PDB file of N, CA and C in Angstrom:
ATOM      1  N   MET A   1      91.973 113.248  92.884  1.00  0.00           N
ATOM      2  CA  MET A   1      92.735 114.479  92.886  1.00  0.00           C
ATOM      3  C   MET A   1      93.427 114.608  91.526  1.00  0.00           C
ATOM      4  N   ASP A   2      93.229 115.741  90.865  1.00  0.00           N
ATOM      5  CA  ASP A   2      93.855 115.906  89.552  1.00  0.00           C
ATOM      6  C   ASP A   2      95.325 116.314  89.703  1.00  0.00           C
ATOM      7  N   ARG A   3      96.013 116.377  88.579  1.00  0.00           N
ATOM      8  CA  ARG A   3      97.458 116.637  88.563  1.00  0.00           C
ATOM      9  C   ARG A   3      97.809 117.974  89.219  1.00  0.00           C
ATOM     10  N   ASN A   4      97.041 119.019  88.921  1.00  0.00           N
ATOM     11  CA  ASN A   4      97.321 120.341  89.492  1.00  0.00           C
ATOM     12  C   ASN A   4      97.145 120.348  91.009  1.00  0.00           C
ATOM     13  N   GLU A   5      96.080 119.718  91.482  1.00  0.00           N
ATOM     14  CA  GLU A   5      95.849 119.634  92.927  1.00  0.00           C
ATOM     15  C   GLU A   5      96.951 118.832  93.607  1.00  0.00           C
ATOM     16  N   LEU A   6      97.369 117.748  92.967  1.00  0.00           N
ATOM     17  CA  LEU A   6      98.426 116.902  93.515  1.00  0.00           C
ATOM     18  C   LEU A   6      99.747 117.672  93.589  1.00  0.00           C
ATOM     19  N   ASN A   7     100.062 118.415  92.546  1.00  0.00           N
ATOM     20  CA  ASN A   7     101.286 119.218  92.541  1.00  0.00           C
ATOM     21  C   ASN A   7     101.236 120.324  93.596  1.00  0.00           C
ATOM     22  N   ALA A   8     100.083 120.962  93.738  1.00  0.00           N
ATOM     23  CA  ALA A   8      99.939 122.005  94.759  1.00  0.00           C
ATOM     24  C   ALA A   8     100.110 121.417  96.158  1.00  0.00           C
ATOM     25  N   LEU A   9      99.512 120.257  96.393  1.00  0.00           N
ATOM     26  CA  LEU A   9      99.652 119.602  97.690  1.00  0.00           C
ATOM     27  C   LEU A   9     101.104 119.207  97.942  1.00  0.00           C
ATOM     28  N   SER A  10     101.766 118.672  96.932  1.00  0.00           N
ATOM     29  CA  SER A  10     103.169 118.273  97.122  1.00  0.00           C
ATOM     30  C   SER A  10     104.035 119.488  97.445  1.00  0.00           C
ATOM     31  N   ASN A  11     103.744 120.628  96.840  1.00  0.00           N
ATOM     32  CA  ASN A  11     104.493 121.848  97.156  1.00  0.00           C
ATOM     33  C   ASN A  11     104.289 122.271  98.609  1.00  0.00           C
ATOM     34  N   ARG A  12     103.075 122.132  99.108  1.00  0.00           N
ATOM     35  CA  ARG A  12     102.790 122.458 100.515  1.00  0.00           C
ATOM     36  C   ARG A  12     103.527 121.498 101.449  1.00  0.00           C
ATOM     37  N   VAL A  13     103.561 120.219 101.083  1.00  0.00           N
ATOM     38  CA  VAL A  13     104.254 119.211 101.893  1.00  0.00           C
ATOM     39  C   VAL A  13     105.759 119.485 101.903  1.00  0.00           C
ATOM     40  N   ILE A  14     106.310 119.809 100.742  1.00  0.00           N
ATOM     41  CA  ILE A  14     107.735 120.133 100.657  1.00  0.00           C
ATOM     42  C   ILE A  14     108.043 121.351 101.521  1.00  0.00           C
ATOM     43  N   GLY A  15     107.185 122.346 101.490  1.00  0.00           N
ATOM     44  CA  GLY A  15     107.375 123.520 102.350  1.00  0.00           C
ATOM     45  C   GLY A  15     107.395 123.153 103.822  1.00  0.00           C
ATOM     46  N   ALA A  16     106.518 122.244 104.214  1.00  0.00           N
ATOM     47  CA  ALA A  16     106.488 121.786 105.608  1.00  0.00           C
ATOM     48  C   ALA A  16     107.780 121.047 105.961  1.00  0.00           C
ATOM     49  N   ALA A  17     108.250 120.209 105.058  1.00  0.00           N
ATOM     50  CA  ALA A  17     109.482 119.449 105.306  1.00  0.00           C
ATOM     51  C   ALA A  17     110.691 120.381 105.397  1.00  0.00           C
ATOM     52  N   ILE A  18     110.726 121.393 104.547  1.00  0.00           N
ATOM     53  CA  ILE A  18     111.825 122.366 104.601  1.00  0.00           C
ATOM     54  C   ILE A  18     111.820 123.108 105.928  1.00  0.00           C
ATOM     55  N   GLU A  19     110.640 123.448 106.417  1.00  0.00           N
ATOM     56  CA  GLU A  19     110.531 124.115 107.723  1.00  0.00           C
ATOM     57  C   GLU A  19     111.060 123.214 108.834  1.00  0.00           C
ATOM     58  N   VAL A  20     110.697 121.937 108.814  1.00  0.00           N
ATOM     59  CA  VAL A  20     111.198 120.983 109.814  1.00  0.00           C
ATOM     60  C   VAL A  20     112.722 120.911 109.747  1.00  0.00           C
ATOM     61  N   HIS A  21     113.256 120.790 108.541  1.00  0.00           N
ATOM     62  CA  HIS A  21     114.704 120.689 108.365  1.00  0.00           C
ATOM     63  C   HIS A  21     115.403 121.984 108.788  1.00  0.00           C
ATOM     64  N   ARG A  22     114.788 123.117 108.506  1.00  0.00           N
ATOM     65  CA  ARG A  22     115.360 124.412 108.902  1.00  0.00           C
ATOM     66  C   ARG A  22     115.492 124.508 110.417  1.00  0.00           C
ATOM     67  N   ILE A  23     114.484 124.022 111.121  1.00  0.00           N
ATOM     68  CA  ILE A  23     114.483 124.095 112.583  1.00  0.00           C
ATOM     69  C   ILE A  23     115.388 123.040 113.215  1.00  0.00           C
ATOM     70  N   LEU A  24     115.310 121.801 112.738  1.00  0.00           N
ATOM     71  CA  LEU A  24     116.051 120.698 113.365  1.00  0.00           C
ATOM     72  C   LEU A  24     117.457 120.506 112.813  1.00  0.00           C
ATOM     73  N   GLY A  25     117.656 120.849 111.537  1.00  0.00           N
ATOM     74  CA  GLY A  25     118.954 120.608 110.916  1.00  0.00           C
ATOM     75  C   GLY A  25     119.123 119.143 110.554  1.00  0.00           C
ATOM     76  N   PRO A  26     120.252 118.802 109.933  1.00  0.00           N
ATOM     77  CA  PRO A  26     120.503 117.421 109.510  1.00  0.00           C
ATOM     78  C   PRO A  26     121.064 116.564 110.641  1.00  0.00           C
ATOM     79  N   GLY A  27     121.031 115.246 110.428  1.00  0.00           N
ATOM     80  CA  GLY A  27     121.759 114.332 111.300  1.00  0.00           C
ATOM     81  C   GLY A  27     120.989 113.670 112.422  1.00  0.00           C
ATOM     82  N   LEU A  28     119.699 113.918 112.537  1.00  0.00           N
ATOM     83  CA  LEU A  28     118.912 113.267 113.589  1.00  0.00           C
ATOM     84  C   LEU A  28     118.325 111.960 113.070  1.00  0.00           C
ATOM     85  N   LEU A  29     117.672 111.232 113.940  1.00  0.00           N
ATOM     86  CA  LEU A  29     117.032 109.982 113.542  1.00  0.00           C
ATOM     87  C   LEU A  29     115.813 110.255 112.668  1.00  0.00           C
ATOM     88  N   GLU A  30     115.547 109.312 111.778  1.00  0.00           N
ATOM     89  CA  GLU A  30     114.386 109.404 110.893  1.00  0.00           C
ATOM     90  C   GLU A  30     113.101 109.602 111.690  1.00  0.00           C
ATOM     91  N   SER A  31     112.969 108.905 112.798  1.00  0.00           N
ATOM     92  CA  SER A  31     111.747 109.002 113.608  1.00  0.00           C
ATOM     93  C   SER A  31     111.536 110.409 114.152  1.00  0.00           C
ATOM     94  N   THR A  32     112.608 111.134 114.423  1.00  0.00           N
ATOM     95  CA  THR A  32     112.504 112.516 114.896  1.00  0.00           C
ATOM     96  C   THR A  32     111.897 113.399 113.814  1.00  0.00           C
ATOM     97  N   TYR A  33     112.394 113.242 112.595  1.00  0.00           N
ATOM     98  CA  TYR A  33     111.852 114.025 111.472  1.00  0.00           C
ATOM     99  C   TYR A  33     110.402 113.650 111.200  1.00  0.00           C
ATOM    100  N   GLN A  34     110.081 112.365 111.337  1.00  0.00           N
ATOM    101  CA  GLN A  34     108.713 111.915 111.105  1.00  0.00           C
ATOM    102  C   GLN A  34     107.751 112.593 112.086  1.00  0.00           C
ATOM    103  N   GLU A  35     108.102 112.593 113.359  1.00  0.00           N
ATOM    104  CA  GLU A  35     107.231 113.212 114.368  1.00  0.00           C
ATOM    105  C   GLU A  35     107.093 114.716 114.136  1.00  0.00           C
ATOM    106  N   ALA A  36     108.210 115.378 113.846  1.00  0.00           N
ATOM    107  CA  ALA A  36     108.167 116.822 113.618  1.00  0.00           C
ATOM    108  C   ALA A  36     107.373 117.155 112.355  1.00  0.00           C
ATOM    109  N   LEU A  37     107.552 116.358 111.309  1.00  0.00           N
ATOM    110  CA  LEU A  37     106.821 116.602 110.065  1.00  0.00           C
ATOM    111  C   LEU A  37     105.323 116.376 110.261  1.00  0.00           C
ATOM    112  N   MET A  38     104.955 115.370 111.018  1.00  0.00           N
ATOM    113  CA  MET A  38     103.533 115.149 111.308  1.00  0.00           C
ATOM    114  C   MET A  38     102.946 116.379 112.015  1.00  0.00           C
ATOM    115  N   GLU A  39     103.682 116.927 112.957  1.00  0.00           N
ATOM    116  CA  GLU A  39     103.228 118.124 113.680  1.00  0.00           C
ATOM    117  C   GLU A  39     103.119 119.316 112.732  1.00  0.00           C
ATOM    118  N   GLU A  40     104.114 119.501 111.878  1.00  0.00           N
ATOM    119  CA  GLU A  40     104.110 120.630 110.945  1.00  0.00           C
ATOM    120  C   GLU A  40     102.964 120.521 109.941  1.00  0.00           C
ATOM    121  N   LEU A  41     102.709 119.313 109.455  1.00  0.00           N
ATOM    122  CA  LEU A  41     101.592 119.116 108.530  1.00  0.00           C
ATOM    123  C   LEU A  41     100.271 119.460 109.206  1.00  0.00           C
ATOM    124  N   GLU A  42     100.115 119.025 110.454  1.00  0.00           N
ATOM    125  CA  GLU A  42      98.891 119.332 111.194  1.00  0.00           C
ATOM    126  C   GLU A  42      98.737 120.844 111.375  1.00  0.00           C
ATOM    127  N   LEU A  43      99.824 121.525 111.716  1.00  0.00           N
ATOM    128  CA  LEU A  43      99.785 122.985 111.886  1.00  0.00           C
ATOM    129  C   LEU A  43      99.355 123.687 110.604  1.00  0.00           C
ATOM    130  N   ARG A  44      99.670 123.082 109.469  1.00  0.00           N
ATOM    131  CA  ARG A  44      99.332 123.671 108.172  1.00  0.00           C
ATOM    132  C   ARG A  44      97.987 123.177 107.634  1.00  0.00           C
ATOM    133  N   GLY A  45      97.270 122.388 108.437  1.00  0.00           N
ATOM    134  CA  GLY A  45      95.955 121.917 108.035  1.00  0.00           C
ATOM    135  C   GLY A  45      95.986 120.827 106.978  1.00  0.00           C
ATOM    136  N   ILE A  46      97.080 120.086 106.930  1.00  0.00           N
ATOM    137  CA  ILE A  46      97.236 119.016 105.951  1.00  0.00           C
ATOM    138  C   ILE A  46      97.037 117.681 106.668  1.00  0.00           C
ATOM    139  N   GLN A  47      96.078 116.891 106.195  1.00  0.00           N
ATOM    140  CA  GLN A  47      95.783 115.597 106.807  1.00  0.00           C
ATOM    141  C   GLN A  47      96.884 114.598 106.457  1.00  0.00           C
ATOM    142  N   ALA A  48      97.381 113.886 107.479  1.00  0.00           N
ATOM    143  CA  ALA A  48      98.426 112.892 107.252  1.00  0.00           C
ATOM    144  C   ALA A  48      98.315 111.779 108.286  1.00  0.00           C
ATOM    145  N   ARG A  49      98.732 110.583 107.861  1.00  0.00           N
ATOM    146  CA  ARG A  49      98.790 109.426 108.755  1.00  0.00           C
ATOM    147  C   ARG A  49     100.196 108.854 108.666  1.00  0.00           C
ATOM    148  N   LYS A  50     100.716 108.374 109.795  1.00  0.00           N
ATOM    149  CA  LYS A  50     102.065 107.804 109.796  1.00  0.00           C
ATOM    150  C   LYS A  50     102.016 106.303 110.020  1.00  0.00           C
ATOM    151  N   GLU A  51     103.077 105.637 109.566  1.00  0.00           N
ATOM    152  CA  GLU A  51     103.233 104.187 109.725  1.00  0.00           C
ATOM    153  C   GLU A  51     101.975 103.438 109.264  1.00  0.00           C
ATOM    154  N   VAL A  52     101.537 103.751 108.056  1.00  0.00           N
ATOM    155  CA  VAL A  52     100.310 103.192 107.498  1.00  0.00           C
ATOM    156  C   VAL A  52     100.612 101.844 106.843  1.00  0.00           C
ATOM    157  N   SER A  53      99.950 100.810 107.309  1.00  0.00           N
ATOM    158  CA  SER A  53     100.087  99.489 106.706  1.00  0.00           C
ATOM    159  C   SER A  53      99.373  99.486 105.361  1.00  0.00           C
ATOM    160  N   VAL A  54     100.098  99.077 104.321  1.00  0.00           N
ATOM    161  CA  VAL A  54      99.518  99.049 102.980  1.00  0.00           C
ATOM    162  C   VAL A  54      99.520  97.602 102.487  1.00  0.00           C
ATOM    163  N   PRO A  55      98.357  96.989 102.457  1.00  0.00           N
ATOM    164  CA  PRO A  55      98.273  95.595 101.989  1.00  0.00           C
ATOM    165  C   PRO A  55      98.311  95.522 100.466  1.00  0.00           C
ATOM    166  N   PHE A  56      98.543  94.340  99.960  1.00  0.00           N
ATOM    167  CA  PHE A  56      98.454  94.107  98.523  1.00  0.00           C
ATOM    168  C   PHE A  56      97.962  92.689  98.294  1.00  0.00           C
ATOM    169  N   ILE A  57      97.568  92.414  97.060  1.00  0.00           N
ATOM    170  CA  ILE A  57      97.046  91.096  96.695  1.00  0.00           C
ATOM    171  C   ILE A  57      98.137  90.325  95.959  1.00  0.00           C
ATOM    172  N   TYR A  58      98.412  89.133  96.436  1.00  0.00           N
ATOM    173  CA  TYR A  58      99.378  88.257  95.779  1.00  0.00           C
ATOM    174  C   TYR A  58      98.686  86.929  95.488  1.00  0.00           C
ATOM    175  N   LYS A  59      98.539  86.618  94.193  1.00  0.00           N
ATOM    176  CA  LYS A  59      97.890  85.386  93.748  1.00  0.00           C
ATOM    177  C   LYS A  59      96.547  85.178  94.445  1.00  0.00           C
ATOM    178  N   GLY A  60      95.787  86.266  94.490  1.00  0.00           N
ATOM    179  CA  GLY A  60      94.439  86.197  95.036  1.00  0.00           C
ATOM    180  C   GLY A  60      94.345  86.289  96.547  1.00  0.00           C
ATOM    181  N   LYS A  61      95.470  86.389  97.245  1.00  0.00           N
ATOM    182  CA  LYS A  61      95.450  86.463  98.704  1.00  0.00           C
ATOM    183  C   LYS A  61      95.964  87.825  99.150  1.00  0.00           C
ATOM    184  N   GLN A  62      95.207  88.442 100.074  1.00  0.00           N
ATOM    185  CA  GLN A  62      95.641  89.740 100.585  1.00  0.00           C
ATOM    186  C   GLN A  62      96.765  89.542 101.594  1.00  0.00           C
ATOM    187  N   ILE A  63      97.864  90.224 101.348  1.00  0.00           N
ATOM    188  CA  ILE A  63      99.008  90.215 102.252  1.00  0.00           C
ATOM    189  C   ILE A  63      98.947  91.541 103.008  1.00  0.00           C
ATOM    190  N   SER A  64      98.611  91.489 104.278  1.00  0.00           N
ATOM    191  CA  SER A  64      98.324  92.721 105.004  1.00  0.00           C
ATOM    192  C   SER A  64      99.549  93.355 105.649  1.00  0.00           C
ATOM    193  N   LYS A  65     100.601  92.628 105.838  1.00  0.00           N
ATOM    194  CA  LYS A  65     101.776  93.188 106.504  1.00  0.00           C
ATOM    195  C   LYS A  65     102.915  93.393 105.517  1.00  0.00           C
ATOM    196  N   ALA A  66     102.588  93.820 104.324  1.00  0.00           N
ATOM    197  CA  ALA A  66     103.587  93.955 103.268  1.00  0.00           C
ATOM    198  C   ALA A  66     104.614  95.030 103.607  1.00  0.00           C
ATOM    199  N   TYR A  67     104.154  96.204 103.923  1.00  0.00           N
ATOM    200  CA  TYR A  67     105.052  97.288 104.290  1.00  0.00           C
ATOM    201  C   TYR A  67     104.269  98.369 104.990  1.00  0.00           C
ATOM    202  N   ARG A  68     104.985  99.298 105.570  1.00  0.00           N
ATOM    203  CA  ARG A  68     104.371 100.444 106.224  1.00  0.00           C
ATOM    204  C   ARG A  68     104.909 101.713 105.579  1.00  0.00           C
ATOM    205  N   ALA A  69     104.010 102.522 105.102  1.00  0.00           N
ATOM    206  CA  ALA A  69     104.406 103.818 104.555  1.00  0.00           C
ATOM    207  C   ALA A  69     104.767 104.728 105.722  1.00  0.00           C
ATOM    208  N   ASP A  70     105.862 105.458 105.595  1.00  0.00           N
ATOM    209  CA  ASP A  70     106.253 106.381 106.672  1.00  0.00           C
ATOM    210  C   ASP A  70     105.134 107.371 106.941  1.00  0.00           C
ATOM    211  N   ILE A  71     104.680 108.037 105.882  1.00  0.00           N
ATOM    212  CA  ILE A  71     103.567 108.996 105.997  1.00  0.00           C
ATOM    213  C   ILE A  71     102.780 108.966 104.690  1.00  0.00           C
ATOM    214  N   ILE A  72     101.453 108.972 104.806  1.00  0.00           N
ATOM    215  CA  ILE A  72     100.590 109.179 103.638  1.00  0.00           C
ATOM    216  C   ILE A  72      99.820 110.464 103.876  1.00  0.00           C
ATOM    217  N   VAL A  73      99.931 111.384 102.911  1.00  0.00           N
ATOM    218  CA  VAL A  73      99.331 112.709 103.020  1.00  0.00           C
ATOM    219  C   VAL A  73      98.061 112.766 102.184  1.00  0.00           C
ATOM    220  N   GLU A  74      96.964 113.181 102.846  1.00  0.00           N
ATOM    221  CA  GLU A  74      95.670 113.382 102.166  1.00  0.00           C
ATOM    222  C   GLU A  74      95.270 112.168 101.322  1.00  0.00           C
ATOM    223  N   ASP A  75      95.677 110.998 101.747  1.00  0.00           N
ATOM    224  CA  ASP A  75      95.414 109.735 101.037  1.00  0.00           C
ATOM    225  C   ASP A  75      95.845 109.804  99.571  1.00  0.00           C
ATOM    226  N   ALA A  76      96.881 110.624  99.291  1.00  0.00           N
ATOM    227  CA  ALA A  76      97.282 110.828  97.900  1.00  0.00           C
ATOM    228  C   ALA A  76      98.790 110.735  97.666  1.00  0.00           C
ATOM    229  N   ILE A  77      99.596 111.157  98.639  1.00  0.00           N
ATOM    230  CA  ILE A  77     101.047 111.215  98.453  1.00  0.00           C
ATOM    231  C   ILE A  77     101.727 110.383  99.532  1.00  0.00           C
ATOM    232  N   ILE A  78     102.624 109.503  99.103  1.00  0.00           N
ATOM    233  CA  ILE A  78     103.408 108.716 100.054  1.00  0.00           C
ATOM    234  C   ILE A  78     104.736 109.424 100.290  1.00  0.00           C
ATOM    235  N   LEU A  79     105.068 109.609 101.568  1.00  0.00           N
ATOM    236  CA  LEU A  79     106.355 110.185 101.934  1.00  0.00           C
ATOM    237  C   LEU A  79     107.249 109.075 102.483  1.00  0.00           C
ATOM    238  N   GLU A  80     108.410 108.936 101.902  1.00  0.00           N
ATOM    239  CA  GLU A  80     109.415 107.989 102.385  1.00  0.00           C
ATOM    240  C   GLU A  80     110.540 108.820 102.972  1.00  0.00           C
ATOM    241  N   LEU A  81     110.719 108.733 104.275  1.00  0.00           N
ATOM    242  CA  LEU A  81     111.705 109.541 104.971  1.00  0.00           C
ATOM    243  C   LEU A  81     112.974 108.748 105.215  1.00  0.00           C
ATOM    244  N   LYS A  82     114.100 109.419 105.038  1.00  0.00           N
ATOM    245  CA  LYS A  82     115.407 108.820 105.298  1.00  0.00           C
ATOM    246  C   LYS A  82     116.251 109.839 106.038  1.00  0.00           C
ATOM    247  N   SER A  83     117.270 109.351 106.717  1.00  0.00           N
ATOM    248  CA  SER A  83     118.283 110.194 107.328  1.00  0.00           C
ATOM    249  C   SER A  83     119.602 109.433 107.233  1.00  0.00           C
ATOM    250  N   THR A  84     120.108 109.353 106.006  1.00  0.00           N
ATOM    251  CA  THR A  84     121.320 108.577 105.744  1.00  0.00           C
ATOM    252  C   THR A  84     122.341 109.434 104.998  1.00  0.00           C
ATOM    253  N   GLU A  85     123.608 109.079 105.151  1.00  0.00           N
ATOM    254  CA  GLU A  85     124.681 109.836 104.509  1.00  0.00           C
ATOM    255  C   GLU A  85     124.655 109.707 102.991  1.00  0.00           C
ATOM    256  N   THR A  86     124.198 108.565 102.487  1.00  0.00           N
ATOM    257  CA  THR A  86     124.200 108.345 101.044  1.00  0.00           C
ATOM    258  C   THR A  86     122.777 108.204 100.525  1.00  0.00           C
ATOM    259  N   ASP A  87     122.594 108.635  99.286  1.00  0.00           N
ATOM    260  CA  ASP A  87     121.309 108.471  98.612  1.00  0.00           C
ATOM    261  C   ASP A  87     121.390 107.198  97.781  1.00  0.00           C
ATOM    262  N   ASN A  88     120.880 106.127  98.305  1.00  0.00           N
ATOM    263  CA  ASN A  88     120.919 104.831  97.649  1.00  0.00           C
ATOM    264  C   ASN A  88     119.831 104.779  96.572  1.00  0.00           C
ATOM    265  N   PRO A  89     120.161 104.406  95.332  1.00  0.00           N
ATOM    266  CA  PRO A  89     119.147 104.291  94.272  1.00  0.00           C
ATOM    267  C   PRO A  89     118.022 103.314  94.638  1.00  0.00           C
ATOM    268  N   LEU A  90     118.295 102.422  95.554  1.00  0.00           N
ATOM    269  CA  LEU A  90     117.277 101.476  96.011  1.00  0.00           C
ATOM    270  C   LEU A  90     116.108 102.194  96.685  1.00  0.00           C
ATOM    271  N   PHE A  91     116.362 103.332  97.335  1.00  0.00           N
ATOM    272  CA  PHE A  91     115.290 104.083  97.995  1.00  0.00           C
ATOM    273  C   PHE A  91     114.238 104.521  96.980  1.00  0.00           C
ATOM    274  N   TYR A  92     114.682 104.982  95.814  1.00  0.00           N
ATOM    275  CA  TYR A  92     113.781 105.403  94.740  1.00  0.00           C
ATOM    276  C   TYR A  92     112.934 104.223  94.277  1.00  0.00           C
ATOM    277  N   LYS A  93     113.578 103.105  94.029  1.00  0.00           N
ATOM    278  CA  LYS A  93     112.866 101.911  93.561  1.00  0.00           C
ATOM    279  C   LYS A  93     111.881 101.421  94.614  1.00  0.00           C
ATOM    280  N   GLN A  94     112.279 101.487  95.865  1.00  0.00           N
ATOM    281  CA  GLN A  94     111.410 101.084  96.972  1.00  0.00           C
ATOM    282  C   GLN A  94     110.141 101.934  96.979  1.00  0.00           C
ATOM    283  N   LEU A  95     110.292 103.245  96.886  1.00  0.00           N
ATOM    284  CA  LEU A  95     109.131 104.129  96.900  1.00  0.00           C
ATOM    285  C   LEU A  95     108.250 103.905  95.680  1.00  0.00           C
ATOM    286  N   LEU A  96     108.839 103.692  94.523  1.00  0.00           N
ATOM    287  CA  LEU A  96     108.051 103.417  93.321  1.00  0.00           C
ATOM    288  C   LEU A  96     107.229 102.140  93.499  1.00  0.00           C
ATOM    289  N   THR A  97     107.820 101.120  94.087  1.00  0.00           N
ATOM    290  CA  THR A  97     107.087  99.882  94.361  1.00  0.00           C
ATOM    291  C   THR A  97     105.934 100.150  95.328  1.00  0.00           C
ATOM    292  N   TYR A  98     106.185 100.934  96.375  1.00  0.00           N
ATOM    293  CA  TYR A  98     105.126 101.282  97.320  1.00  0.00           C
ATOM    294  C   TYR A  98     103.979 102.010  96.617  1.00  0.00           C
ATOM    295  N   LEU A  99     104.319 102.926  95.718  1.00  0.00           N
ATOM    296  CA  LEU A  99     103.284 103.654  94.986  1.00  0.00           C
ATOM    297  C   LEU A  99     102.432 102.703  94.152  1.00  0.00           C
ATOM    298  N   ARG A 100     103.075 101.761  93.494  1.00  0.00           N
ATOM    299  CA  ARG A 100     102.335 100.797  92.677  1.00  0.00           C
ATOM    300  C   ARG A 100     101.425  99.921  93.537  1.00  0.00           C
ATOM    301  N   LEU A 101     101.952  99.418  94.651  1.00  0.00           N
ATOM    302  CA  LEU A 101     101.155  98.552  95.518  1.00  0.00           C
ATOM    303  C   LEU A 101      99.965  99.294  96.123  1.00  0.00           C
ATOM    304  N   ALA A 102     100.170 100.552  96.482  1.00  0.00           N
ATOM    305  CA  ALA A 102      99.113 101.340  97.123  1.00  0.00           C
ATOM    306  C   ALA A 102      98.229 102.058  96.109  1.00  0.00           C
ATOM    307  N   ASP A 103      98.570 101.947  94.818  1.00  0.00           N
ATOM    308  CA  ASP A 103      97.846 102.609  93.743  1.00  0.00           C
ATOM    309  C   ASP A 103      97.789 104.125  93.957  1.00  0.00           C
ATOM    310  N   LYS A 104      98.952 104.693  94.252  1.00  0.00           N
ATOM    311  CA  LYS A 104      99.097 106.147  94.394  1.00  0.00           C
ATOM    312  C   LYS A 104      99.938 106.657  93.238  1.00  0.00           C
ATOM    313  N   ARG A 105      99.753 107.935  92.914  1.00  0.00           N
ATOM    314  CA  ARG A 105     100.436 108.509  91.749  1.00  0.00           C
ATOM    315  C   ARG A 105     101.727 109.232  92.085  1.00  0.00           C
ATOM    316  N   LEU A 106     101.863 109.725  93.316  1.00  0.00           N
ATOM    317  CA  LEU A 106     103.020 110.557  93.639  1.00  0.00           C
ATOM    318  C   LEU A 106     103.603 110.201  94.993  1.00  0.00           C
ATOM    319  N   GLY A 107     104.921 110.175  95.042  1.00  0.00           N
ATOM    320  CA  GLY A 107     105.639 109.974  96.286  1.00  0.00           C
ATOM    321  C   GLY A 107     106.774 110.975  96.395  1.00  0.00           C
ATOM    322  N   LEU A 108     107.151 111.279  97.615  1.00  0.00           N
ATOM    323  CA  LEU A 108     108.285 112.162  97.865  1.00  0.00           C
ATOM    324  C   LEU A 108     109.284 111.420  98.739  1.00  0.00           C
ATOM    325  N   LEU A 109     110.487 111.285  98.228  1.00  0.00           N
ATOM    326  CA  LEU A 109     111.594 110.685  98.973  1.00  0.00           C
ATOM    327  C   LEU A 109     112.373 111.839  99.584  1.00  0.00           C
ATOM    328  N   MET A 110     112.474 111.842 100.920  1.00  0.00           N
ATOM    329  CA  MET A 110     113.109 112.952 101.624  1.00  0.00           C
ATOM    330  C   MET A 110     114.234 112.427 102.497  1.00  0.00           C
ATOM    331  N   ASN A 111     115.467 112.812 102.162  1.00  0.00           N
ATOM    332  CA  ASN A 111     116.610 112.435 102.980  1.00  0.00           C
ATOM    333  C   ASN A 111     117.034 113.665 103.790  1.00  0.00           C
ATOM    334  N   PHE A 112     116.722 113.645 105.075  1.00  0.00           N
ATOM    335  CA  PHE A 112     116.966 114.785 105.950  1.00  0.00           C
ATOM    336  C   PHE A 112     118.427 114.922 106.375  1.00  0.00           C
ATOM    337  N   HIS A 113     119.290 114.017 105.940  1.00  0.00           N
ATOM    338  CA  HIS A 113     120.692 114.068 106.350  1.00  0.00           C
ATOM    339  C   HIS A 113     121.478 115.158 105.611  1.00  0.00           C
ATOM    340  N   HIS A 114     120.976 115.615 104.480  1.00  0.00           N
ATOM    341  CA  HIS A 114     121.678 116.633 103.691  1.00  0.00           C
ATOM    342  C   HIS A 114     121.667 117.985 104.402  1.00  0.00           C
ATOM    343  N   ALA A 115     122.706 118.787 104.142  1.00  0.00           N
ATOM    344  CA  ALA A 115     122.771 120.134 104.716  1.00  0.00           C
ATOM    345  C   ALA A 115     121.609 120.988 104.220  1.00  0.00           C
ATOM    346  N   MET A 116     121.208 120.781 102.961  1.00  0.00           N
ATOM    347  CA  MET A 116     120.027 121.437 102.401  1.00  0.00           C
ATOM    348  C   MET A 116     119.053 120.339 101.979  1.00  0.00           C
ATOM    349  N   LEU A 117     117.848 120.390 102.484  1.00  0.00           N
ATOM    350  CA  LEU A 117     116.879 119.336 102.183  1.00  0.00           C
ATOM    351  C   LEU A 117     116.623 119.204 100.691  1.00  0.00           C
ATOM    352  N   SER A 118     116.681 120.305  99.958  1.00  0.00           N
ATOM    353  CA  SER A 118     116.436 120.247  98.509  1.00  0.00           C
ATOM    354  C   SER A 118     117.393 119.278  97.818  1.00  0.00           C
ATOM    355  N   LYS A 119     118.577 119.070  98.365  1.00  0.00           N
ATOM    356  CA  LYS A 119     119.549 118.123  97.790  1.00  0.00           C
ATOM    357  C   LYS A 119     119.137 116.676  98.065  1.00  0.00           C
ATOM    358  N   GLY A 120     118.300 116.469  99.057  1.00  0.00           N
ATOM    359  CA  GLY A 120     117.869 115.118  99.423  1.00  0.00           C
ATOM    360  C   GLY A 120     116.419 114.842  99.097  1.00  0.00           C
ATOM    361  N   LEU A 121     115.846 115.635  98.206  1.00  0.00           N
ATOM    362  CA  LEU A 121     114.427 115.517  97.866  1.00  0.00           C
ATOM    363  C   LEU A 121     114.263 114.989  96.449  1.00  0.00           C
ATOM    364  N   THR A 122     113.462 113.921  96.306  1.00  0.00           N
ATOM    365  CA  THR A 122     113.193 113.339  94.988  1.00  0.00           C
ATOM    366  C   THR A 122     111.692 113.091  94.861  1.00  0.00           C
ATOM    367  N   ARG A 123     111.108 113.577  93.767  1.00  0.00           N
ATOM    368  CA  ARG A 123     109.704 113.282  93.444  1.00  0.00           C
ATOM    369  C   ARG A 123     109.694 111.964  92.655  1.00  0.00           C
ATOM    370  N   VAL A 124     108.836 111.078  93.042  1.00  0.00           N
ATOM    371  CA  VAL A 124     108.698 109.783  92.369  1.00  0.00           C
ATOM    372  C   VAL A 124     107.264 109.687  91.887  1.00  0.00           C
ATOM    373  N   VAL A 125     107.096 109.435  90.581  1.00  0.00           N
ATOM    374  CA  VAL A 125     105.757 109.377  90.012  1.00  0.00           C
ATOM    375  C   VAL A 125     105.434 107.974  89.519  1.00  0.00           C
ATOM    376  N   ASN A 126     104.184 107.634  89.616  1.00  0.00           N
ATOM    377  CA  ASN A 126     103.671 106.348  89.164  1.00  0.00           C
ATOM    378  C   ASN A 126     102.567 106.603  88.159  1.00  0.00           C
ATOM    379  N   GLY A 127     102.912 106.581  86.883  1.00  0.00           N
ATOM    380  CA  GLY A 127     101.909 106.717  85.835  1.00  0.00           C
ATOM    381  C   GLY A 127     101.394 108.096  85.582  1.00  0.00           C
ATOM    382  N   PHE A 128     102.179 109.128  85.850  1.00  0.00           N
ATOM    383  CA  PHE A 128     101.747 110.499  85.565  1.00  0.00           C
ATOM    384  C   PHE A 128     101.720 110.734  84.083  1.00  0.00           C
TER     385      PHE A 128
END
């Protein structure tokens, strides 16, 4: 997927997340937003998988239970969902590490706890 296609897809995903946040509002559990976002993505014809195990190689050995991506969209964008009062800088670093391990170029960090989702949205790039 080239840069333009990736950006267009991320815009569609952000639109879906904004719709979920508009309907549900802030303050619910992360799992609630995950389920609603999966439904919204499906309604918009966007392929997504949730709780995806992403293995990595460490000193020649595959570690299969390294982490689980909240959502991977179109096998191209990792979504890291949060519902916390504070935006911890560690969340950004965590997503960047996930992108490197999964060899993906773009991630979206979404904190649904904000009154406006745009305040809790961060694009994270890996080698753009």
